[in-house]
Amino acid sequence: EDIAVYRHSLPPESNAGLGFVREYLAALWHETRLAWRVRRE
């Protein structure tokens, strides 16, 4: 519907502390690289 959706993978969902850290680090990496892509496109 005219909205561009850029998606990225994340580690499996977890309730453990290290699981959250892995998720957040992976998300920051993907969000950053995709943000630069969106800016270009």
PDB file of all heavy atoms in Angstrom:
ATOM      1  N   GLU A   1       0.821  -1.210   0.000  1.00  0.00           N
ATOM      2  CA  GLU A   1       0.000   0.000   0.000  1.00  0.00           C
ATOM      3  C   GLU A   1       0.859   1.266   0.000  1.00  0.00           C
ATOM      4  O   GLU A   1       0.640   2.199   0.762  1.00  0.00           O
ATOM      5  CB  GLU A   1      -0.965  -0.012   1.204  1.00  0.00           C
ATOM      6  CG  GLU A   1      -1.929  -1.187   1.204  1.00  0.00           C
ATOM      7  CD  GLU A   1      -2.816  -1.223   2.436  1.00  0.00           C
ATOM      8  OE1 GLU A   1      -3.009  -0.157   3.055  1.00  0.00           O
ATOM      9  OE2 GLU A   1      -3.312  -2.304   2.770  1.00  0.00           O
ATOM     10  N   ASP A   2       1.875   1.275  -0.856  1.00  0.00           N
ATOM     11  CA  ASP A   2       2.785   2.405  -1.047  1.00  0.00           C
ATOM     12  C   ASP A   2       3.734   2.628   0.133  1.00  0.00           C
ATOM     13  O   ASP A   2       4.422   3.662   0.182  1.00  0.00           O
ATOM     14  CB  ASP A   2       2.022   3.706  -1.341  1.00  0.00           C
ATOM     15  CG  ASP A   2       1.387   3.704  -2.726  1.00  0.00           C
ATOM     16  OD1 ASP A   2       1.933   3.031  -3.616  1.00  0.00           O
ATOM     17  OD2 ASP A   2       0.346   4.355  -2.901  1.00  0.00           O
ATOM     18  N   ILE A   3       3.807   1.687   1.057  1.00  0.00           N
ATOM     19  CA  ILE A   3       4.751   1.772   2.178  1.00  0.00           C
ATOM     20  C   ILE A   3       5.838   0.729   1.948  1.00  0.00           C
ATOM     21  O   ILE A   3       5.540  -0.461   1.770  1.00  0.00           O
ATOM     22  CB  ILE A   3       4.036   1.550   3.515  1.00  0.00           C
ATOM     23  CG1 ILE A   3       3.037   2.679   3.765  1.00  0.00           C
ATOM     24  CG2 ILE A   3       5.044   1.451   4.669  1.00  0.00           C
ATOM     25  CD1 ILE A   3       2.101   2.428   4.924  1.00  0.00           C
ATOM     26  N   ALA A   4       7.090   1.162   1.937  1.00  0.00           N
ATOM     27  CA  ALA A   4       8.224   0.263   1.707  1.00  0.00           C
ATOM     28  C   ALA A   4       8.625  -0.385   3.025  1.00  0.00           C
ATOM     29  O   ALA A   4       8.934   0.308   3.995  1.00  0.00           O
ATOM     30  CB  ALA A   4       9.396   1.031   1.121  1.00  0.00           C
ATOM     31  N   VAL A   5       8.614  -1.711   3.062  1.00  0.00           N
ATOM     32  CA  VAL A   5       8.926  -2.450   4.285  1.00  0.00           C
ATOM     33  C   VAL A   5      10.226  -3.224   4.070  1.00  0.00           C
ATOM     34  O   VAL A   5      10.309  -4.093   3.198  1.00  0.00           O
ATOM     35  CB  VAL A   5       7.782  -3.414   4.661  1.00  0.00           C
ATOM     36  CG1 VAL A   5       8.118  -4.153   5.952  1.00  0.00           C
ATOM     37  CG2 VAL A   5       6.466  -2.659   4.805  1.00  0.00           C
ATOM     38  N   TYR A   6      11.229  -2.895   4.877  1.00  0.00           N
ATOM     39  CA  TYR A   6      12.523  -3.552   4.856  1.00  0.00           C
ATOM     40  C   TYR A   6      12.618  -4.434   6.099  1.00  0.00           C
ATOM     41  O   TYR A   6      12.507  -3.931   7.227  1.00  0.00           O
ATOM     42  CB  TYR A   6      13.652  -2.526   4.886  1.00  0.00           C
ATOM     43  CG  TYR A   6      13.718  -1.591   3.707  1.00  0.00           C
ATOM     44  CD1 TYR A   6      12.808  -0.528   3.580  1.00  0.00           C
ATOM     45  CD2 TYR A   6      14.701  -1.737   2.734  1.00  0.00           C
ATOM     46  CE1 TYR A   6      12.873   0.347   2.508  1.00  0.00           C
ATOM     47  CE2 TYR A   6      14.783  -0.856   1.652  1.00  0.00           C
ATOM     48  CZ  TYR A   6      13.866   0.182   1.551  1.00  0.00           C
ATOM     49  OH  TYR A   6      13.943   1.061   0.490  1.00  0.00           O
ATOM     50  N   ARG A   7      12.810  -5.739   5.904  1.00  0.00           N
ATOM     51  CA  ARG A   7      12.836  -6.657   7.044  1.00  0.00           C
ATOM     52  C   ARG A   7      14.206  -7.312   7.205  1.00  0.00           C
ATOM     53  O   ARG A   7      14.959  -7.449   6.244  1.00  0.00           O
ATOM     54  CB  ARG A   7      11.763  -7.741   6.890  1.00  0.00           C
ATOM     55  CG  ARG A   7      10.341  -7.215   6.800  1.00  0.00           C
ATOM     56  CD  ARG A   7       9.320  -8.324   6.966  1.00  0.00           C
ATOM     57  NE  ARG A   7       7.955  -7.844   6.770  1.00  0.00           N
ATOM     58  CZ  ARG A   7       7.275  -7.975   5.642  1.00  0.00           C
ATOM     59  NH1 ARG A   7       7.831  -8.610   4.597  1.00  0.00           N
ATOM     60  NH2 ARG A   7       6.052  -7.518   5.524  1.00  0.00           N
ATOM     61  N   HIS A   8      14.486  -7.733   8.431  1.00  0.00           N
ATOM     62  CA  HIS A   8      15.747  -8.409   8.736  1.00  0.00           C
ATOM     63  C   HIS A   8      15.480  -9.540   9.711  1.00  0.00           C
ATOM     64  O   HIS A   8      14.476  -9.539  10.443  1.00  0.00           O
ATOM     65  CB  HIS A   8      16.747  -7.426   9.351  1.00  0.00           C
ATOM     66  CG  HIS A   8      16.249  -6.777  10.622  1.00  0.00           C
ATOM     67  ND1 HIS A   8      16.349  -7.373  11.854  1.00  0.00           N
ATOM     68  CD2 HIS A   8      15.621  -5.583  10.828  1.00  0.00           C
ATOM     69  CE1 HIS A   8      15.823  -6.587  12.767  1.00  0.00           C
ATOM     70  NE2 HIS A   8      15.365  -5.490  12.181  1.00  0.00           N
ATOM     71  N   SER A   9      16.357 -10.500   9.743  1.00  0.00           N
ATOM     72  CA  SER A   9      16.219 -11.635  10.656  1.00  0.00           C
ATOM     73  C   SER A   9      16.719 -11.258  12.045  1.00  0.00           C
ATOM     74  O   SER A   9      17.477 -10.292  12.219  1.00  0.00           O
ATOM     75  CB  SER A   9      16.996 -12.836  10.134  1.00  0.00           C
ATOM     76  OG  SER A   9      18.371 -12.505  10.031  1.00  0.00           O
ATOM     77  N   LEU A  10      16.296 -12.029  13.038  1.00  0.00           N
ATOM     78  CA  LEU A  10      16.768 -11.892  14.413  1.00  0.00           C
ATOM     79  C   LEU A  10      17.048 -13.277  14.974  1.00  0.00           C
ATOM     80  O   LEU A  10      16.473 -14.274  14.508  1.00  0.00           O
ATOM     81  CB  LEU A  10      15.720 -11.198  15.286  1.00  0.00           C
ATOM     82  CG  LEU A  10      15.580  -9.677  15.139  1.00  0.00           C
ATOM     83  CD1 LEU A  10      14.457  -9.174  16.029  1.00  0.00           C
ATOM     84  CD2 LEU A  10      16.881  -8.968  15.471  1.00  0.00           C
ATOM     85  N   PRO A  11      17.900 -13.382  16.012  1.00  0.00           N
ATOM     86  CA  PRO A  11      18.108 -14.683  16.665  1.00  0.00           C
ATOM     87  C   PRO A  11      16.801 -15.194  17.261  1.00  0.00           C
ATOM     88  O   PRO A  11      15.858 -14.423  17.466  1.00  0.00           O
ATOM     89  CB  PRO A  11      19.138 -14.365  17.756  1.00  0.00           C
ATOM     90  CG  PRO A  11      19.784 -13.088  17.341  1.00  0.00           C
ATOM     91  CD  PRO A  11      18.735 -12.320  16.588  1.00  0.00           C
ATOM     92  N   PRO A  12      16.706 -16.498  17.549  1.00  0.00           N
ATOM     93  CA  PRO A  12      15.483 -17.049  18.155  1.00  0.00           C
ATOM     94  C   PRO A  12      15.117 -16.320  19.435  1.00  0.00           C
ATOM     95  O   PRO A  12      15.983 -15.895  20.203  1.00  0.00           O
ATOM     96  CB  PRO A  12      15.857 -18.512  18.438  1.00  0.00           C
ATOM     97  CG  PRO A  12      16.952 -18.813  17.474  1.00  0.00           C
ATOM     98  CD  PRO A  12      17.725 -17.538  17.318  1.00  0.00           C
ATOM     99  N   GLU A  13      13.809 -16.170  19.656  1.00  0.00           N
ATOM    100  CA  GLU A  13      13.297 -15.475  20.835  1.00  0.00           C
ATOM    101  C   GLU A  13      13.716 -16.207  22.096  1.00  0.00           C
ATOM    102  O   GLU A  13      13.708 -17.434  22.169  1.00  0.00           O
ATOM    103  CB  GLU A  13      11.772 -15.390  20.747  1.00  0.00           C
ATOM    104  CG  GLU A  13      11.135 -14.426  21.704  1.00  0.00           C
ATOM    105  CD  GLU A  13       9.646 -14.257  21.424  1.00  0.00           C
ATOM    106  OE1 GLU A  13       9.033 -15.190  20.874  1.00  0.00           O
ATOM    107  OE2 GLU A  13       9.096 -13.195  21.746  1.00  0.00           O
ATOM    108  N   SER A  14      14.089 -15.437  23.136  1.00  0.00           N
ATOM    109  CA  SER A  14      14.555 -16.034  24.384  1.00  0.00           C
ATOM    110  C   SER A  14      14.210 -15.121  25.537  1.00  0.00           C
ATOM    111  O   SER A  14      14.156 -13.900  25.399  1.00  0.00           O
ATOM    112  CB  SER A  14      16.080 -16.247  24.333  1.00  0.00           C
ATOM    113  OG  SER A  14      16.585 -16.621  25.593  1.00  0.00           O
ATOM    114  N   ASN A  15      13.992 -15.728  26.710  1.00  0.00           N
ATOM    115  CA  ASN A  15      13.770 -14.961  27.938  1.00  0.00           C
ATOM    116  C   ASN A  15      15.045 -14.787  28.736  1.00  0.00           C
ATOM    117  O   ASN A  15      15.048 -14.157  29.792  1.00  0.00           O
ATOM    118  CB  ASN A  15      12.730 -15.653  28.822  1.00  0.00           C
ATOM    119  CG  ASN A  15      11.329 -15.559  28.233  1.00  0.00           C
ATOM    120  OD1 ASN A  15      10.993 -14.584  27.567  1.00  0.00           O
ATOM    121  ND2 ASN A  15      10.515 -16.569  28.459  1.00  0.00           N
ATOM    122  N   ALA A  16      16.165 -15.355  28.282  1.00  0.00           N
ATOM    123  CA  ALA A  16      17.427 -15.295  29.004  1.00  0.00           C
ATOM    124  C   ALA A  16      18.152 -13.985  28.720  1.00  0.00           C
ATOM    125  O   ALA A  16      18.000 -13.387  27.649  1.00  0.00           O
ATOM    126  CB  ALA A  16      18.302 -16.477  28.614  1.00  0.00           C
ATOM    127  N   GLY A  17      18.992 -13.548  29.686  1.00  0.00           N
ATOM    128  CA  GLY A  17      19.706 -12.290  29.530  1.00  0.00           C
ATOM    129  C   GLY A  17      20.591 -12.245  28.308  1.00  0.00           C
ATOM    130  O   GLY A  17      20.581 -11.273  27.537  1.00  0.00           O
ATOM    131  N   LEU A  18      21.388 -13.291  28.072  1.00  0.00           N
ATOM    132  CA  LEU A  18      22.270 -13.318  26.910  1.00  0.00           C
ATOM    133  C   LEU A  18      21.468 -13.347  25.609  1.00  0.00           C
ATOM    134  O   LEU A  18      21.919 -12.822  24.587  1.00  0.00           O
ATOM    135  CB  LEU A  18      23.198 -14.527  26.991  1.00  0.00           C
ATOM    136  CG  LEU A  18      24.314 -14.441  28.035  1.00  0.00           C
ATOM    137  CD1 LEU A  18      25.141 -15.723  28.039  1.00  0.00           C
ATOM    138  CD2 LEU A  18      25.221 -13.238  27.771  1.00  0.00           C
ATOM    139  N   GLY A  19      20.293 -13.961  25.643  1.00  0.00           N
ATOM    140  CA  GLY A  19      19.436 -13.970  24.464  1.00  0.00           C
ATOM    141  C   GLY A  19      19.016 -12.570  24.072  1.00  0.00           C
ATOM    142  O   GLY A  19      18.994 -12.222  22.883  1.00  0.00           O
ATOM    143  N   PHE A  20      18.685 -11.733  25.065  1.00  0.00           N
ATOM    144  CA  PHE A  20      18.333 -10.349  24.782  1.00  0.00           C
ATOM    145  C   PHE A  20      19.518  -9.602  24.177  1.00  0.00           C
ATOM    146  O   PHE A  20      19.362  -8.823  23.234  1.00  0.00           O
ATOM    147  CB  PHE A  20      17.871  -9.636  26.057  1.00  0.00           C
ATOM    148  CG  PHE A  20      16.507 -10.044  26.529  1.00  0.00           C
ATOM    149  CD1 PHE A  20      16.321 -10.514  27.817  1.00  0.00           C
ATOM    150  CD2 PHE A  20      15.411  -9.943  25.699  1.00  0.00           C
ATOM    151  CE1 PHE A  20      15.056 -10.893  28.264  1.00  0.00           C
ATOM    152  CE2 PHE A  20      14.143 -10.315  26.127  1.00  0.00           C
ATOM    153  CZ  PHE A  20      13.968 -10.790  27.418  1.00  0.00           C
ATOM    154  N   VAL A  21      20.714  -9.827  24.732  1.00  0.00           N
ATOM    155  CA  VAL A  21      21.911  -9.134  24.224  1.00  0.00           C
ATOM    156  C   VAL A  21      22.151  -9.500  22.766  1.00  0.00           C
ATOM    157  O   VAL A  21      22.410  -8.625  21.925  1.00  0.00           O
ATOM    158  CB  VAL A  21      23.146  -9.481  25.088  1.00  0.00           C
ATOM    159  CG1 VAL A  21      24.408  -8.920  24.448  1.00  0.00           C
ATOM    160  CG2 VAL A  21      22.973  -8.932  26.501  1.00  0.00           C
ATOM    161  N   ARG A  22      22.060 -10.778  22.440  1.00  0.00           N
ATOM    162  CA  ARG A  22      22.255 -11.205  21.054  1.00  0.00           C
ATOM    163  C   ARG A  22      21.212 -10.566  20.139  1.00  0.00           C
ATOM    164  O   ARG A  22      21.532 -10.107  19.039  1.00  0.00           O
ATOM    165  CB  ARG A  22      22.164 -12.736  20.950  1.00  0.00           C
ATOM    166  CG  ARG A  22      23.385 -13.469  21.464  1.00  0.00           C
ATOM    167  CD  ARG A  22      23.368 -14.922  21.021  1.00  0.00           C
ATOM    168  NE  ARG A  22      22.220 -15.644  21.564  1.00  0.00           N
ATOM    169  CZ  ARG A  22      22.238 -16.292  22.731  1.00  0.00           C
ATOM    170  NH1 ARG A  22      23.336 -16.305  23.468  1.00  0.00           N
ATOM    171  NH2 ARG A  22      21.152 -16.927  23.151  1.00  0.00           N
ATOM    172  N   GLU A  23      19.969 -10.548  20.601  1.00  0.00           N
ATOM    173  CA  GLU A  23      18.908  -9.958  19.791  1.00  0.00           C
ATOM    174  C   GLU A  23      19.160  -8.477  19.536  1.00  0.00           C
ATOM    175  O   GLU A  23      19.050  -7.990  18.403  1.00  0.00           O
ATOM    176  CB  GLU A  23      17.558 -10.136  20.479  1.00  0.00           C
ATOM    177  CG  GLU A  23      16.406  -9.461  19.743  1.00  0.00           C
ATOM    178  CD  GLU A  23      15.095  -9.501  20.524  1.00  0.00           C
ATOM    179  OE1 GLU A  23      14.933 -10.391  21.374  1.00  0.00           O
ATOM    180  OE2 GLU A  23      14.254  -8.620  20.281  1.00  0.00           O
ATOM    181  N   TYR A  24      19.515  -7.733  20.594  1.00  0.00           N
ATOM    182  CA  TYR A  24      19.694  -6.300  20.460  1.00  0.00           C
ATOM    183  C   TYR A  24      20.881  -5.958  19.567  1.00  0.00           C
ATOM    184  O   TYR A  24      20.819  -5.031  18.751  1.00  0.00           O
ATOM    185  CB  TYR A  24      19.867  -5.651  21.836  1.00  0.00           C
ATOM    186  CG  TYR A  24      18.638  -5.759  22.723  1.00  0.00           C
ATOM    187  CD1 TYR A  24      18.742  -5.625  24.099  1.00  0.00           C
ATOM    188  CD2 TYR A  24      17.384  -5.997  22.179  1.00  0.00           C
ATOM    189  CE1 TYR A  24      17.627  -5.714  24.917  1.00  0.00           C
ATOM    190  CE2 TYR A  24      16.261  -6.096  22.986  1.00  0.00           C
ATOM    191  CZ  TYR A  24      16.383  -5.953  24.356  1.00  0.00           C
ATOM    192  OH  TYR A  24      15.284  -6.054  25.157  1.00  0.00           O
ATOM    193  N   LEU A  25      21.975  -6.685  19.715  1.00  0.00           N
ATOM    194  CA  LEU A  25      23.140  -6.422  18.876  1.00  0.00           C
ATOM    195  C   LEU A  25      22.843  -6.726  17.412  1.00  0.00           C
ATOM    196  O   LEU A  25      23.213  -5.957  16.517  1.00  0.00           O
ATOM    197  CB  LEU A  25      24.336  -7.248  19.366  1.00  0.00           C
ATOM    198  CG  LEU A  25      24.944  -6.823  20.706  1.00  0.00           C
ATOM    199  CD1 LEU A  25      26.062  -7.776  21.109  1.00  0.00           C
ATOM    200  CD2 LEU A  25      25.468  -5.391  20.640  1.00  0.00           C
ATOM    201  N   ALA A  26      22.176  -7.848  17.171  1.00  0.00           N
ATOM    202  CA  ALA A  26      21.815  -8.196  15.794  1.00  0.00           C
ATOM    203  C   ALA A  26      20.864  -7.152  15.215  1.00  0.00           C
ATOM    204  O   ALA A  26      21.007  -6.729  14.050  1.00  0.00           O
ATOM    205  CB  ALA A  26      21.176  -9.580  15.755  1.00  0.00           C
ATOM    206  N   ALA A  27      19.885  -6.712  16.015  1.00  0.00           N
ATOM    207  CA  ALA A  27      18.924  -5.720  15.530  1.00  0.00           C
ATOM    208  C   ALA A  27      19.610  -4.408  15.196  1.00  0.00           C
ATOM    209  O   ALA A  27      19.334  -3.797  14.151  1.00  0.00           O
ATOM    210  CB  ALA A  27      17.831  -5.504  16.576  1.00  0.00           C
ATOM    211  N   LEU A  28      20.508  -3.952  16.060  1.00  0.00           N
ATOM    212  CA  LEU A  28      21.204  -2.692  15.805  1.00  0.00           C
ATOM    213  C   LEU A  28      22.013  -2.755  14.514  1.00  0.00           C
ATOM    214  O   LEU A  28      22.043  -1.790  13.732  1.00  0.00           O
ATOM    215  CB  LEU A  28      22.128  -2.349  16.981  1.00  0.00           C
ATOM    216  CG  LEU A  28      21.437  -1.765  18.218  1.00  0.00           C
ATOM    217  CD1 LEU A  28      22.447  -1.630  19.354  1.00  0.00           C
ATOM    218  CD2 LEU A  28      20.826  -0.402  17.887  1.00  0.00           C
ATOM    219  N   TRP A  29      22.669  -3.880  14.281  1.00  0.00           N
ATOM    220  CA  TRP A  29      23.445  -4.037  13.051  1.00  0.00           C
ATOM    221  C   TRP A  29      22.535  -3.943  11.834  1.00  0.00           C
ATOM    222  O   TRP A  29      22.794  -3.179  10.898  1.00  0.00           O
ATOM    223  CB  TRP A  29      24.188  -5.363  13.070  1.00  0.00           C
ATOM    224  CG  TRP A  29      24.622  -5.832  11.708  1.00  0.00           C
ATOM    225  CD1 TRP A  29      24.147  -6.887  10.997  1.00  0.00           C
ATOM    226  CD2 TRP A  29      25.614  -5.219  10.873  1.00  0.00           C
ATOM    227  NE1 TRP A  29      24.769  -6.981   9.774  1.00  0.00           N
ATOM    228  CE2 TRP A  29      25.678  -5.971   9.670  1.00  0.00           C
ATOM    229  CE3 TRP A  29      26.441  -4.101  11.017  1.00  0.00           C
ATOM    230  CZ2 TRP A  29      26.542  -5.647   8.627  1.00  0.00           C
ATOM    231  CZ3 TRP A  29      27.313  -3.784   9.970  1.00  0.00           C
ATOM    232  CH2 TRP A  29      27.346  -4.559   8.792  1.00  0.00           C
ATOM    233  N   HIS A  30      21.445  -4.714  11.839  1.00  0.00           N
ATOM    234  CA  HIS A  30      20.557  -4.719  10.683  1.00  0.00           C
ATOM    235  C   HIS A  30      19.844  -3.383  10.513  1.00  0.00           C
ATOM    236  O   HIS A  30      19.679  -2.900   9.375  1.00  0.00           O
ATOM    237  CB  HIS A  30      19.538  -5.850  10.816  1.00  0.00           C
ATOM    238  CG  HIS A  30      20.125  -7.218  10.664  1.00  0.00           C
ATOM    239  ND1 HIS A  30      20.785  -7.624   9.527  1.00  0.00           N
ATOM    240  CD2 HIS A  30      20.155  -8.283  11.521  1.00  0.00           C
ATOM    241  CE1 HIS A  30      21.196  -8.866   9.673  1.00  0.00           C
ATOM    242  NE2 HIS A  30      20.828  -9.295  10.868  1.00  0.00           N
ATOM    243  N   GLU A  31      19.397  -2.779  11.614  1.00  0.00           N
ATOM    244  CA  GLU A  31      18.700  -1.493  11.518  1.00  0.00           C
ATOM    245  C   GLU A  31      19.617  -0.409  10.961  1.00  0.00           C
ATOM    246  O   GLU A  31      19.186   0.434  10.158  1.00  0.00           O
ATOM    247  CB  GLU A  31      18.161  -1.097  12.893  1.00  0.00           C
ATOM    248  CG  GLU A  31      16.995  -1.965  13.365  1.00  0.00           C
ATOM    249  CD  GLU A  31      16.768  -1.915  14.865  1.00  0.00           C
ATOM    250  OE1 GLU A  31      17.510  -1.186  15.561  1.00  0.00           O
ATOM    251  OE2 GLU A  31      15.859  -2.613  15.349  1.00  0.00           O
ATOM    252  N   THR A  32      20.874  -0.445  11.379  1.00  0.00           N
ATOM    253  CA  THR A  32      21.827   0.563  10.901  1.00  0.00           C
ATOM    254  C   THR A  32      22.102   0.400   9.408  1.00  0.00           C
ATOM    255  O   THR A  32      22.032   1.363   8.633  1.00  0.00           O
ATOM    256  CB  THR A  32      23.135   0.478  11.689  1.00  0.00           C
ATOM    257  OG1 THR A  32      22.862   0.732  13.080  1.00  0.00           O
ATOM    258  CG2 THR A  32      24.148   1.500  11.186  1.00  0.00           C
ATOM    259  N   ARG A  33      22.395  -0.830   8.987  1.00  0.00           N
ATOM    260  CA  ARG A  33      22.712  -1.017   7.559  1.00  0.00           C
ATOM    261  C   ARG A  33      21.487  -0.736   6.685  1.00  0.00           C
ATOM    262  O   ARG A  33      21.610  -0.153   5.604  1.00  0.00           O
ATOM    263  CB  ARG A  33      23.257  -2.422   7.310  1.00  0.00           C
ATOM    264  CG  ARG A  33      22.269  -3.555   7.467  1.00  0.00           C
ATOM    265  CD  ARG A  33      22.830  -4.902   7.043  1.00  0.00           C
ATOM    266  NE  ARG A  33      21.840  -5.957   7.200  1.00  0.00           N
ATOM    267  CZ  ARG A  33      20.876  -6.207   6.308  1.00  0.00           C
ATOM    268  NH1 ARG A  33      20.793  -5.489   5.190  1.00  0.00           N
ATOM    269  NH2 ARG A  33      20.001  -7.166   6.525  1.00  0.00           N
ATOM    270  N   LEU A  34      20.293  -1.119   7.179  1.00  0.00           N
ATOM    271  CA  LEU A  34      19.087  -0.868   6.392  1.00  0.00           C
ATOM    272  C   LEU A  34      18.726   0.619   6.373  1.00  0.00           C
ATOM    273  O   LEU A  34      18.200   1.120   5.377  1.00  0.00           O
ATOM    274  CB  LEU A  34      17.918  -1.695   6.932  1.00  0.00           C
ATOM    275  CG  LEU A  34      17.994  -3.194   6.636  1.00  0.00           C
ATOM    276  CD1 LEU A  34      16.875  -3.943   7.358  1.00  0.00           C
ATOM    277  CD2 LEU A  34      17.915  -3.459   5.128  1.00  0.00           C
ATOM    278  N   ALA A  35      19.020   1.332   7.461  1.00  0.00           N
ATOM    279  CA  ALA A  35      18.747   2.771   7.477  1.00  0.00           C
ATOM    280  C   ALA A  35      19.568   3.486   6.405  1.00  0.00           C
ATOM    281  O   ALA A  35      19.053   4.375   5.704  1.00  0.00           O
ATOM    282  CB  ALA A  35      19.045   3.350   8.855  1.00  0.00           C
ATOM    283  N   TRP A  36      20.832   3.104   6.262  1.00  0.00           N
ATOM    284  CA  TRP A  36      21.651   3.708   5.215  1.00  0.00           C
ATOM    285  C   TRP A  36      21.128   3.316   3.838  1.00  0.00           C
ATOM    286  O   TRP A  36      21.157   4.115   2.891  1.00  0.00           O
ATOM    287  CB  TRP A  36      23.108   3.307   5.376  1.00  0.00           C
ATOM    288  CG  TRP A  36      23.769   4.023   6.522  1.00  0.00           C
ATOM    289  CD1 TRP A  36      24.033   3.536   7.763  1.00  0.00           C
ATOM    290  CD2 TRP A  36      24.209   5.388   6.519  1.00  0.00           C
ATOM    291  NE1 TRP A  36      24.605   4.501   8.550  1.00  0.00           N
ATOM    292  CE2 TRP A  36      24.742   5.655   7.808  1.00  0.00           C
ATOM    293  CE3 TRP A  36      24.199   6.405   5.564  1.00  0.00           C
ATOM    294  CZ2 TRP A  36      25.258   6.894   8.155  1.00  0.00           C
ATOM    295  CZ3 TRP A  36      24.731   7.653   5.906  1.00  0.00           C
ATOM    296  CH2 TRP A  36      25.249   7.883   7.197  1.00  0.00           C
ATOM    297  N   ARG A  37      20.617   2.105   3.706  1.00  0.00           N
ATOM    298  CA  ARG A  37      20.041   1.692   2.428  1.00  0.00           C
ATOM    299  C   ARG A  37      18.787   2.516   2.109  1.00  0.00           C
ATOM    300  O   ARG A  37      18.604   2.975   0.975  1.00  0.00           O
ATOM    301  CB  ARG A  37      19.703   0.203   2.467  1.00  0.00           C
ATOM    302  CG  ARG A  37      19.014  -0.295   1.202  1.00  0.00           C
ATOM    303  CD  ARG A  37      18.642  -1.766   1.315  1.00  0.00           C
ATOM    304  NE  ARG A  37      17.730  -2.151   0.234  1.00  0.00           N
ATOM    305  CZ  ARG A  37      17.133  -3.341   0.153  1.00  0.00           C
ATOM    306  NH1 ARG A  37      17.360  -4.272   1.076  1.00  0.00           N
ATOM    307  NH2 ARG A  37      16.310  -3.598  -0.849  1.00  0.00           N
ATOM    308  N   VAL A  38      17.935   2.700   3.115  1.00  0.00           N
ATOM    309  CA  VAL A  38      16.720   3.489   2.901  1.00  0.00           C
ATOM    310  C   VAL A  38      17.078   4.919   2.517  1.00  0.00           C
ATOM    311  O   VAL A  38      16.453   5.519   1.636  1.00  0.00           O
ATOM    312  CB  VAL A  38      15.827   3.469   4.160  1.00  0.00           C
ATOM    313  CG1 VAL A  38      14.626   4.399   3.983  1.00  0.00           C
ATOM    314  CG2 VAL A  38      15.347   2.052   4.465  1.00  0.00           C
ATOM    315  N   ARG A  39      18.095   5.463   3.163  1.00  0.00           N
ATOM    316  CA  ARG A  39      18.494   6.833   2.826  1.00  0.00           C
ATOM    317  C   ARG A  39      18.920   6.930   1.359  1.00  0.00           C
ATOM    318  O   ARG A  39      18.579   7.892   0.667  1.00  0.00           O
ATOM    319  CB  ARG A  39      19.629   7.301   3.733  1.00  0.00           C
ATOM    320  CG  ARG A  39      20.085   8.715   3.392  1.00  0.00           C
ATOM    321  CD  ARG A  39      21.076   9.286   4.370  1.00  0.00           C
ATOM    322  NE  ARG A  39      21.607  10.546   3.844  1.00  0.00           N
ATOM    323  CZ  ARG A  39      20.961  11.716   3.891  1.00  0.00           C
ATOM    324  NH1 ARG A  39      19.766  11.781   4.455  1.00  0.00           N
ATOM    325  NH2 ARG A  39      21.499  12.809   3.369  1.00  0.00           N
ATOM    326  N   ARG A  40      19.649   5.928   0.870  1.00  0.00           N
ATOM    327  CA  ARG A  40      20.075   5.937  -0.529  1.00  0.00           C
ATOM    328  C   ARG A  40      18.890   5.774  -1.475  1.00  0.00           C
ATOM    329  O   ARG A  40      18.814   6.451  -2.492  1.00  0.00           O
ATOM    330  CB  ARG A  40      21.079   4.797  -0.798  1.00  0.00           C
ATOM    331  CG  ARG A  40      22.434   4.982  -0.160  1.00  0.00           C
ATOM    332  CD  ARG A  40      23.430   3.984  -0.743  1.00  0.00           C
ATOM    333  NE  ARG A  40      22.962   2.606  -0.669  1.00  0.00           N
ATOM    334  CZ  ARG A  40      23.184   1.792   0.357  1.00  0.00           C
ATOM    335  NH1 ARG A  40      23.849   2.237   1.420  1.00  0.00           N
ATOM    336  NH2 ARG A  40      22.740   0.547   0.332  1.00  0.00           N
ATOM    337  N   GLU A  41      17.973   4.874  -1.135  1.00  0.00           N
ATOM    338  CA  GLU A  41      16.908   4.511  -2.060  1.00  0.00           C
ATOM    339  C   GLU A  41      15.698   5.432  -1.998  1.00  0.00           C
ATOM    340  O   GLU A  41      15.042   5.679  -3.023  1.00  0.00           O
ATOM    341  CB  GLU A  41      16.460   3.072  -1.796  1.00  0.00           C
ATOM    342  CG  GLU A  41      17.555   2.041  -2.075  1.00  0.00           C
ATOM    343  CD  GLU A  41      17.117   0.615  -1.790  1.00  0.00           C
ATOM    344  OE1 GLU A  41      15.991   0.433  -1.261  1.00  0.00           O
ATOM    345  OE2 GLU A  41      17.889  -0.301  -2.097  1.00  0.00           O
TER     346      GLU A  41
END
